[in-house]
Protein backbone atom coordinates (compact mmCIF):
# COMPACT_ATOMS: atom_id res chain seq x y z
CA UNK A 1 -65.16 49.25 -52.10
CA UNK A 2 -61.42 49.19 -51.57
CA UNK A 3 -59.80 46.27 -49.80
CA UNK A 4 -56.69 47.33 -47.88
CA UNK A 5 -54.21 44.91 -46.32
CA UNK A 6 -52.34 46.57 -43.45
CA UNK A 7 -49.12 44.69 -42.65
CA UNK A 8 -46.61 46.74 -40.63
CA UNK A 9 -43.98 45.55 -38.20
CA UNK A 10 -43.52 47.02 -34.75
CA UNK A 11 -42.02 50.47 -34.28
CA UNK A 12 -39.23 49.51 -31.91
CA UNK A 13 -39.44 51.32 -28.59
CA UNK A 14 -42.95 52.51 -29.31
CA UNK A 15 -45.91 50.39 -30.46
CA UNK A 16 -46.35 46.73 -31.39
CA UNK A 17 -47.10 45.72 -34.96
CA UNK A 18 -50.78 45.27 -34.14
CA UNK A 19 -50.97 48.68 -32.46
CA UNK A 20 -49.35 50.28 -35.51
CA UNK A 21 -51.78 48.43 -37.78
CA UNK A 22 -54.71 49.76 -35.77
CA UNK A 23 -53.37 53.30 -36.06
CA UNK A 24 -53.03 52.85 -39.81
CA UNK A 25 -56.59 51.54 -39.96
CA UNK A 26 -57.80 54.76 -38.33
CA UNK A 27 -56.12 56.74 -41.11
CA UNK A 28 -57.53 54.51 -43.85
CA UNK A 29 -61.07 54.85 -42.47
CA UNK A 30 -60.78 58.63 -42.27
CA UNK A 31 -59.87 58.81 -45.94
CA UNK A 32 -62.14 55.98 -47.12
CA UNK A 33 -64.88 55.35 -44.49
CA UNK A 34 -66.27 52.30 -46.24
CA UNK A 35 -62.99 50.56 -47.05
CA UNK A 36 -62.48 46.97 -45.97
CA UNK A 37 -59.33 46.61 -43.89
CA UNK A 38 -57.39 43.49 -42.94
CA UNK A 39 -54.74 43.80 -40.22
CA UNK A 40 -51.75 41.44 -40.45
CA UNK A 41 -48.82 42.57 -38.28
CA UNK A 42 -45.53 41.09 -39.49
CA UNK A 43 -41.89 40.78 -38.45
CA UNK A 44 -38.60 39.47 -39.81
CA UNK A 45 -37.41 37.15 -37.07
CA UNK A 46 -36.04 39.84 -34.77
CA UNK A 47 -37.83 42.05 -32.26
CA UNK A 48 -41.58 41.82 -32.57
CA UNK A 49 -41.70 38.35 -34.12
CA UNK A 50 -43.24 36.76 -31.05
CA UNK A 51 -45.95 39.39 -30.72
CA UNK A 52 -46.70 39.44 -34.45
CA UNK A 53 -47.20 35.69 -34.66
CA UNK A 54 -49.25 35.53 -31.48
CA UNK A 55 -51.48 38.37 -32.64
CA UNK A 56 -51.92 36.91 -36.13
CA UNK A 57 -52.76 33.41 -34.89
CA UNK A 58 -54.99 34.26 -31.96
CA UNK A 59 -52.43 32.70 -29.64
CA UNK A 60 -51.24 33.69 -26.20
CA UNK A 61 -48.15 34.96 -24.42
CA UNK A 62 -46.72 32.66 -21.77
CA UNK A 63 -43.95 33.18 -19.24
CA UNK A 64 -41.17 31.01 -17.89
CA UNK A 65 -38.56 31.69 -15.21
CA UNK A 66 -35.18 31.27 -16.89
CA UNK A 67 -31.61 32.54 -16.51
CA UNK A 68 -30.60 35.73 -18.30
CA UNK A 69 -27.26 35.89 -20.18
CA UNK A 70 -25.37 36.08 -16.88
CA UNK A 71 -27.41 33.45 -15.06
CA UNK A 72 -29.78 35.71 -13.11
CA UNK A 73 -33.34 34.42 -13.03
CA UNK A 74 -35.86 36.49 -14.99
CA UNK A 75 -39.43 36.05 -16.24
CA UNK A 76 -39.12 35.62 -20.01
CA UNK A 77 -42.02 35.48 -22.45
CA UNK A 78 -42.62 32.93 -25.18
CA UNK A 79 -45.57 32.51 -27.48
CA UNK A 80 -48.14 29.74 -27.92
CA UNK A 81 -49.68 30.09 -31.36
CA UNK A 82 -53.35 29.55 -32.02
CA UNK A 83 -52.83 26.29 -33.92
CA UNK A 84 -51.98 24.53 -30.65
CA UNK A 85 -48.88 23.02 -32.26
CA UNK A 86 -46.46 25.88 -32.78
CA UNK A 87 -44.49 27.85 -30.19
CA UNK A 88 -42.39 30.93 -30.82
CA UNK A 89 -39.25 31.73 -28.83
CA UNK A 90 -37.39 35.02 -29.21
CA UNK A 91 -33.87 34.45 -27.97
CA UNK A 92 -33.57 38.13 -27.07
CA UNK A 93 -36.21 37.65 -24.36
CA UNK A 94 -33.85 35.33 -22.45
CA UNK A 95 -30.35 35.88 -23.82
CA UNK A 96 -30.55 39.30 -25.41
CA UNK A 97 -28.14 42.18 -25.38
CA UNK A 98 -30.86 44.52 -24.12
CA UNK A 99 -30.99 42.57 -20.84
CA UNK A 100 -27.49 43.76 -19.92
CA UNK A 101 -26.00 47.13 -19.11
CA UNK A 102 -23.08 48.17 -21.31
CA UNK A 103 -20.72 47.38 -18.44
CA UNK A 104 -22.08 43.82 -18.16
CA UNK A 105 -21.47 42.87 -21.78
CA UNK A 106 -18.91 40.07 -21.94
CA UNK A 107 -19.38 37.28 -24.51
CA UNK A 108 -16.74 35.20 -22.75
CA UNK A 109 -19.31 34.74 -19.97
CA UNK A 110 -22.78 35.21 -21.45
CA UNK A 111 -24.81 32.07 -22.09
CA UNK A 112 -27.76 30.90 -24.19
CA UNK A 113 -29.03 28.63 -21.43
CA UNK A 114 -32.18 30.71 -21.06
CA UNK A 115 -33.09 30.05 -24.70
CA UNK A 116 -32.82 26.33 -24.09
CA UNK A 117 -35.00 26.57 -21.00
CA UNK A 118 -37.67 28.43 -22.98
CA UNK A 119 -37.55 25.61 -25.53
CA UNK A 120 -37.97 23.09 -22.70
CA UNK A 121 -41.00 25.05 -21.44
CA UNK A 122 -42.58 24.88 -24.90
CA UNK A 123 -41.88 21.15 -25.21
CA UNK A 124 -43.33 20.51 -21.75
CA UNK A 125 -46.47 22.38 -22.79
CA UNK A 126 -46.91 19.95 -25.68
CA UNK A 127 -45.71 22.04 -28.58
CA UNK A 128 -43.81 20.17 -31.27
CA UNK A 129 -43.10 22.89 -33.80
CA UNK A 130 -40.74 25.54 -32.49
CA UNK A 131 -39.88 28.78 -34.25
CA UNK A 132 -36.78 30.39 -32.78
CA UNK A 133 -36.11 34.05 -33.57
CA UNK A 134 -32.42 34.64 -32.93
CA UNK A 135 -31.87 38.39 -33.32
CA UNK A 136 -30.41 40.63 -30.64
CA UNK A 137 -28.16 38.17 -28.84
CA UNK A 138 -25.72 39.00 -26.05
CA UNK A 139 -23.93 35.68 -26.48
CA UNK A 140 -21.08 34.02 -28.36
CA UNK A 141 -21.26 30.47 -26.96
CA UNK A 142 -22.34 28.63 -30.11
CA UNK A 143 -25.59 27.65 -28.42
CA UNK A 144 -23.69 25.60 -25.83
CA UNK A 145 -25.85 26.87 -22.97
CA UNK A 146 -28.98 26.08 -24.97
CA UNK A 147 -27.72 22.55 -25.59
CA UNK A 148 -26.94 22.03 -21.90
CA UNK A 149 -30.44 23.16 -20.92
CA UNK A 150 -31.83 20.53 -23.30
CA UNK A 151 -29.76 17.77 -21.69
CA UNK A 152 -26.55 17.64 -23.71
CA UNK A 153 -23.35 17.24 -21.69
CA UNK A 154 -20.39 19.35 -22.81
CA UNK A 155 -17.37 18.00 -20.95
CA UNK A 156 -13.76 19.00 -20.32
CA UNK A 157 -10.75 16.66 -20.17
CA UNK A 158 -11.68 15.61 -16.64
CA UNK A 159 -15.24 14.74 -17.62
CA UNK A 160 -16.69 17.80 -15.90
CA UNK A 161 -19.27 20.14 -17.49
CA UNK A 162 -17.63 23.13 -19.12
CA UNK A 163 -18.43 26.57 -17.77
CA UNK A 164 -20.84 29.08 -19.31
CA UNK A 165 -20.16 31.41 -22.19
CA UNK A 166 -17.64 31.42 -24.99
CA UNK A 167 -14.80 30.93 -22.51
CA UNK A 168 -16.29 27.62 -21.40
CA UNK A 169 -15.76 26.18 -24.86
CA UNK A 170 -12.01 26.68 -24.56
CA UNK A 171 -11.95 23.62 -22.28
CA UNK A 172 -14.33 21.47 -24.35
CA UNK A 173 -13.10 17.94 -25.02
CA UNK A 174 -16.22 15.88 -25.69
CA UNK A 175 -20.00 16.05 -26.13
CA UNK A 176 -22.48 13.48 -24.84
CA UNK A 177 -26.03 13.72 -26.20
CA UNK A 178 -27.38 10.53 -24.61
CA UNK A 179 -29.39 12.66 -22.17
CA UNK A 180 -30.75 15.07 -24.78
CA UNK A 181 -34.47 15.75 -24.29
CA UNK A 182 -36.18 12.95 -26.26
CA UNK A 183 -39.04 15.28 -27.19
CA UNK A 184 -36.65 17.07 -29.53
CA UNK A 185 -36.72 14.00 -31.77
CA UNK A 186 -40.47 14.55 -32.22
CA UNK A 187 -40.13 18.30 -32.84
CA UNK A 188 -39.57 20.41 -35.93
CA UNK A 189 -37.41 23.43 -35.18
CA UNK A 190 -37.20 26.38 -37.55
CA UNK A 191 -34.78 29.22 -36.98
CA UNK A 192 -35.75 32.69 -38.15
CA UNK A 193 -32.39 33.91 -39.37
CA UNK A 194 -31.47 36.66 -41.82
CA UNK A 195 -27.67 36.41 -41.80
CA UNK A 196 -25.45 33.94 -43.63
CA UNK A 197 -22.25 34.14 -41.59
CA UNK A 198 -20.24 30.95 -41.04
CA UNK A 199 -19.33 29.94 -37.50
CA UNK A 200 -15.72 31.14 -37.50
CA UNK A 201 -13.17 33.16 -39.43
CA UNK A 202 -13.16 36.79 -40.58
CA UNK A 203 -16.85 36.60 -41.48
CA UNK A 204 -17.79 34.48 -38.48
CA UNK A 205 -19.79 35.09 -35.32
CA UNK A 206 -16.94 36.38 -33.17
CA UNK A 207 -15.26 38.71 -35.67
CA UNK A 208 -18.41 40.29 -37.06
CA UNK A 209 -20.72 40.47 -34.06
CA UNK A 210 -18.46 40.01 -31.04
CA UNK A 211 -17.44 43.68 -30.68
CA UNK A 212 -21.03 44.91 -30.33
CA UNK A 213 -21.44 42.42 -27.49
CA UNK A 214 -18.46 43.80 -25.61
CA UNK A 215 -15.59 41.77 -27.09
CA UNK A 216 -12.13 43.34 -27.31
CA UNK A 217 -9.81 42.26 -30.16
CA UNK A 218 -8.14 39.75 -27.83
CA UNK A 219 -11.54 38.39 -26.77
CA UNK A 220 -12.56 38.05 -30.42
CA UNK A 221 -9.46 35.91 -31.02
CA UNK A 222 -10.25 33.68 -28.03
CA UNK A 223 -13.91 33.37 -28.95
CA UNK A 224 -13.14 32.47 -32.55
CA UNK A 225 -10.68 29.77 -31.45
CA UNK A 226 -13.21 28.43 -28.94
CA UNK A 227 -15.95 28.22 -31.57
CA UNK A 228 -13.56 26.48 -33.95
CA UNK A 229 -12.96 23.90 -31.23
CA UNK A 230 -16.71 23.59 -30.67
CA UNK A 231 -17.31 22.95 -34.37
CA UNK A 232 -14.57 20.30 -34.47
CA UNK A 233 -15.91 18.41 -31.45
CA UNK A 234 -19.45 18.53 -32.87
CA UNK A 235 -18.16 17.10 -36.13
CA UNK A 236 -16.30 14.28 -34.34
CA UNK A 237 -18.86 13.38 -31.65
CA UNK A 238 -22.16 14.15 -33.37
CA UNK A 239 -21.17 13.50 -36.97
CA UNK A 240 -22.53 16.88 -38.05
CA UNK A 241 -20.40 19.41 -39.90
CA UNK A 242 -21.97 22.79 -39.36
CA UNK A 243 -18.95 25.11 -39.18
CA UNK A 244 -19.24 26.44 -42.72
CA UNK A 245 -23.01 26.24 -43.04
CA UNK A 246 -24.57 29.60 -43.95
CA UNK A 247 -26.13 31.06 -40.81
CA UNK A 248 -24.06 28.94 -38.41
CA UNK A 249 -22.55 32.16 -37.04
CA UNK A 250 -25.90 33.81 -36.40
CA UNK A 251 -26.50 34.98 -32.81
CA UNK A 252 -22.99 34.16 -31.66
CA UNK A 253 -23.14 30.68 -33.16
CA UNK A 254 -26.60 29.81 -31.81
CA UNK A 255 -27.48 28.99 -35.41
CA UNK A 256 -24.82 26.27 -35.38
CA UNK A 257 -25.97 24.93 -32.02
CA UNK A 258 -29.58 24.67 -33.12
CA UNK A 259 -28.59 22.87 -36.30
CA UNK A 260 -26.36 20.45 -34.42
CA UNK A 261 -28.50 19.65 -31.37
CA UNK A 262 -32.07 20.29 -32.56
CA UNK A 263 -31.74 19.39 -36.26
CA UNK A 264 -33.04 22.86 -36.97
CA UNK A 265 -33.46 24.38 -40.39
CA UNK A 266 -32.50 28.03 -40.90
CA UNK A 267 -34.88 30.14 -42.96
CA UNK A 268 -35.50 33.78 -43.69
CA UNK A 269 -37.30 35.27 -40.72
CA UNK A 270 -39.59 37.22 -43.01
CA UNK A 271 -40.52 34.08 -44.95
CA UNK A 272 -41.37 32.21 -41.75
CA UNK A 273 -43.60 35.02 -40.48
CA UNK A 274 -45.37 35.64 -43.77
CA UNK A 275 -46.03 31.93 -44.16
CA UNK A 276 -47.35 31.65 -40.59
CA UNK A 277 -49.67 34.63 -41.10
CA UNK A 278 -50.89 33.31 -44.50
CA UNK A 279 -50.19 36.70 -46.02
CA UNK A 280 -50.41 35.54 -49.63
CA UNK A 281 -53.93 34.21 -49.11
CA UNK A 282 -54.96 37.58 -47.67
CA UNK A 283 -53.59 39.45 -50.69
CA UNK A 284 -56.27 37.93 -52.93
CA UNK A 285 -58.55 40.76 -54.03
CA UNK A 286 -56.55 43.48 -52.27
CA UNK A 287 -56.43 46.94 -53.85
CA UNK A 288 -53.71 48.37 -51.65
CA UNK A 289 -51.13 47.15 -49.14
CA UNK A 290 -49.71 49.35 -46.38
CA UNK A 291 -46.45 48.41 -44.66
CA UNK A 292 -44.30 50.20 -42.13
CA UNK A 293 -41.38 50.19 -39.71
CA UNK A 294 -39.84 52.60 -37.24
CA UNK A 295 -37.12 53.86 -39.56
CA UNK A 296 -36.91 53.06 -43.24
CA UNK A 297 -33.46 53.43 -44.80
CA UNK A 298 -31.12 51.69 -47.21
CA UNK A 299 -30.88 48.64 -44.90
CA UNK A 300 -34.59 47.96 -45.29
CA UNK A 301 -34.06 46.31 -48.67
CA UNK A 302 -32.09 43.46 -47.08
CA UNK A 303 -35.16 41.27 -46.73
CA UNK A 304 -36.71 43.13 -43.83
CA UNK A 305 -40.41 42.57 -43.33
CA UNK A 306 -41.73 45.59 -45.30
CA UNK A 307 -39.77 44.50 -48.36
CA UNK A 308 -40.82 40.86 -48.03
CA UNK A 309 -44.46 41.96 -47.99
CA UNK A 310 -43.97 44.45 -50.81
CA UNK A 311 -42.38 41.90 -53.13
CA UNK A 312 -45.34 39.57 -52.79
CA UNK A 313 -47.81 42.41 -53.34
CA UNK A 314 -45.83 43.81 -56.30
CA UNK A 315 -45.83 40.39 -57.96
CA UNK A 316 -49.64 40.61 -57.97
CA UNK A 317 -49.68 44.19 -59.25
CA UNK A 318 -50.89 45.63 -55.94
CA UNK A 319 -49.53 49.09 -55.03
CA UNK A 320 -47.73 49.33 -51.69
CA UNK A 321 -47.46 52.36 -49.39
CA UNK A 322 -45.00 52.54 -46.49
CA UNK A 323 -45.75 54.61 -43.39
CA UNK A 324 -42.66 54.91 -41.17
CA UNK A 325 -41.64 56.75 -38.08
CA UNK A 326 -38.87 58.36 -40.08
CA UNK A 327 -37.15 58.07 -43.46
CA UNK A 328 -33.37 57.64 -43.20
CA UNK A 329 -30.49 57.80 -45.65
CA UNK A 330 -31.01 55.77 -48.78
CA UNK A 331 -34.65 54.90 -48.15
CA UNK A 332 -35.36 55.56 -51.84
CA UNK A 333 -33.91 52.13 -52.61
CA UNK A 334 -37.18 50.57 -51.45
CA UNK A 335 -38.85 51.83 -54.62
CA UNK A 336 -36.92 49.21 -56.57
CA UNK A 337 -38.29 46.46 -54.35
CA UNK A 338 -42.04 46.90 -54.64
CA UNK A 339 -42.82 49.90 -52.45
CA UNK A 340 -44.67 52.52 -54.49
CA UNK A 341 -44.17 55.43 -52.07
CA UNK A 342 -42.90 55.94 -48.53
CA UNK A 343 -44.05 58.52 -46.00
CA UNK A 344 -42.54 59.66 -42.71
CA UNK A 345 -44.96 60.12 -39.85
CA UNK A 346 -43.15 62.88 -37.97
CA UNK A 347 -44.60 66.37 -38.54
CA UNK A 348 -42.40 69.35 -37.90
CA UNK A 349 -39.51 69.59 -35.45
CA UNK A 350 -39.90 67.23 -32.49
CA UNK A 351 -37.71 65.19 -30.21
CA UNK A 352 -37.58 61.41 -30.42
CA UNK A 353 -39.33 61.25 -27.07
CA UNK A 354 -42.17 63.43 -28.34
CA UNK A 355 -42.53 61.30 -31.47
CA UNK A 356 -42.59 58.05 -29.50
CA UNK A 357 -45.23 59.41 -27.15
CA UNK A 358 -47.48 60.43 -30.04
CA UNK A 359 -46.88 57.56 -32.46
CA UNK A 360 -50.50 56.44 -32.81
CA UNK A 361 -51.76 59.87 -33.85
CA UNK A 362 -48.80 60.55 -36.14
CA UNK A 363 -49.16 57.22 -37.93
CA UNK A 364 -52.92 57.62 -38.32
CA UNK A 365 -52.50 61.10 -39.79
CA UNK A 366 -49.72 60.07 -42.18
CA UNK A 367 -51.77 57.08 -43.35
CA UNK A 368 -54.83 59.25 -43.96
CA UNK A 369 -52.83 61.72 -46.05
CA UNK A 370 -51.17 58.91 -48.04
CA UNK A 371 -54.55 57.37 -48.81
CA UNK A 372 -55.98 60.73 -49.88
CA UNK A 373 -53.06 61.03 -52.28
CA UNK A 374 -54.07 57.70 -53.83
CA UNK A 375 -57.56 59.02 -54.57
CA UNK A 376 -60.86 60.17 -53.11
CA UNK A 377 -63.37 57.97 -51.40
CA UNK A 378 -65.33 55.89 -53.87
CA UNK A 379 -69.14 56.18 -54.07
CA UNK A 380 -69.77 52.92 -52.20
CA UNK A 381 -67.31 53.95 -49.47
């Protein structure tokens, strides 16, 4: 009897990782009715990380009322994992670019305060291990808003709190952490981060990611100068030099803020998720692993979740199939990183809307055909 580990990530805009895994399971059972299947939805620290970890741990989704990037109150989700110790916060749920219209994007004004308030909600609920996924940010404030929500005081020359957003940091003169939430000292904070950008400079947060958040060239210059000031004041007042640390520039400098104010460690998002889901333990005795994502292309090899899973399976000699919504330019590169074969789920000409509406059936069918290509059902299946 075959043992099949099914470990896809969400298909963005369509189904969650668990829903995709269930569709894949339908296909596996059609091809091999007696196969043993194990569903382990995964993610890489970005969209879907919260849901994947909650699903894998038997946890629950909770909600807190927090400010969005422009200070408007919204109901944002965070996750309580099944171990009763760990909470997962996706910064995009509170401070994400998707929460704004294109006309509202302005990293001089957008704040990470909502992220900090989600962290406070998790601490108040008793959680002392926090995983922060920091993909999809609308912000460029270095995590200043997050720090303020946790009790840090960022002050101007007159001793007044600086304003929100990257522009607020232009007036920063001092930082007082005497009022920082004491529960942070008891907590372990891990940041799911897959970029290595420093805080400032040509490879920093403002220059690389500012434009997609609405920054003009002049705004990029102001934001970079403001973050440089932020890093200098942190170094002087907190005794922490984070400006050149790899990942400090992630999420508009939120990586730097989390390192400075929450003593956070930055790790590969995929590694954090695979460790939390105990994937390696589940690979013992597996005959096949199936991964997937919405679109597989040349960017997939940069430590996205399907590749992280495939590398661990390949090291054990387990073949890996990928079932994706579509196969984009350069997807063939995944074959050099542990994926045996990749299959697109779309069949015939169809619009994106049609494909999204029919994802479950398309994925189930593609999985069935891929499994039939591996071999017929065995006698005990």
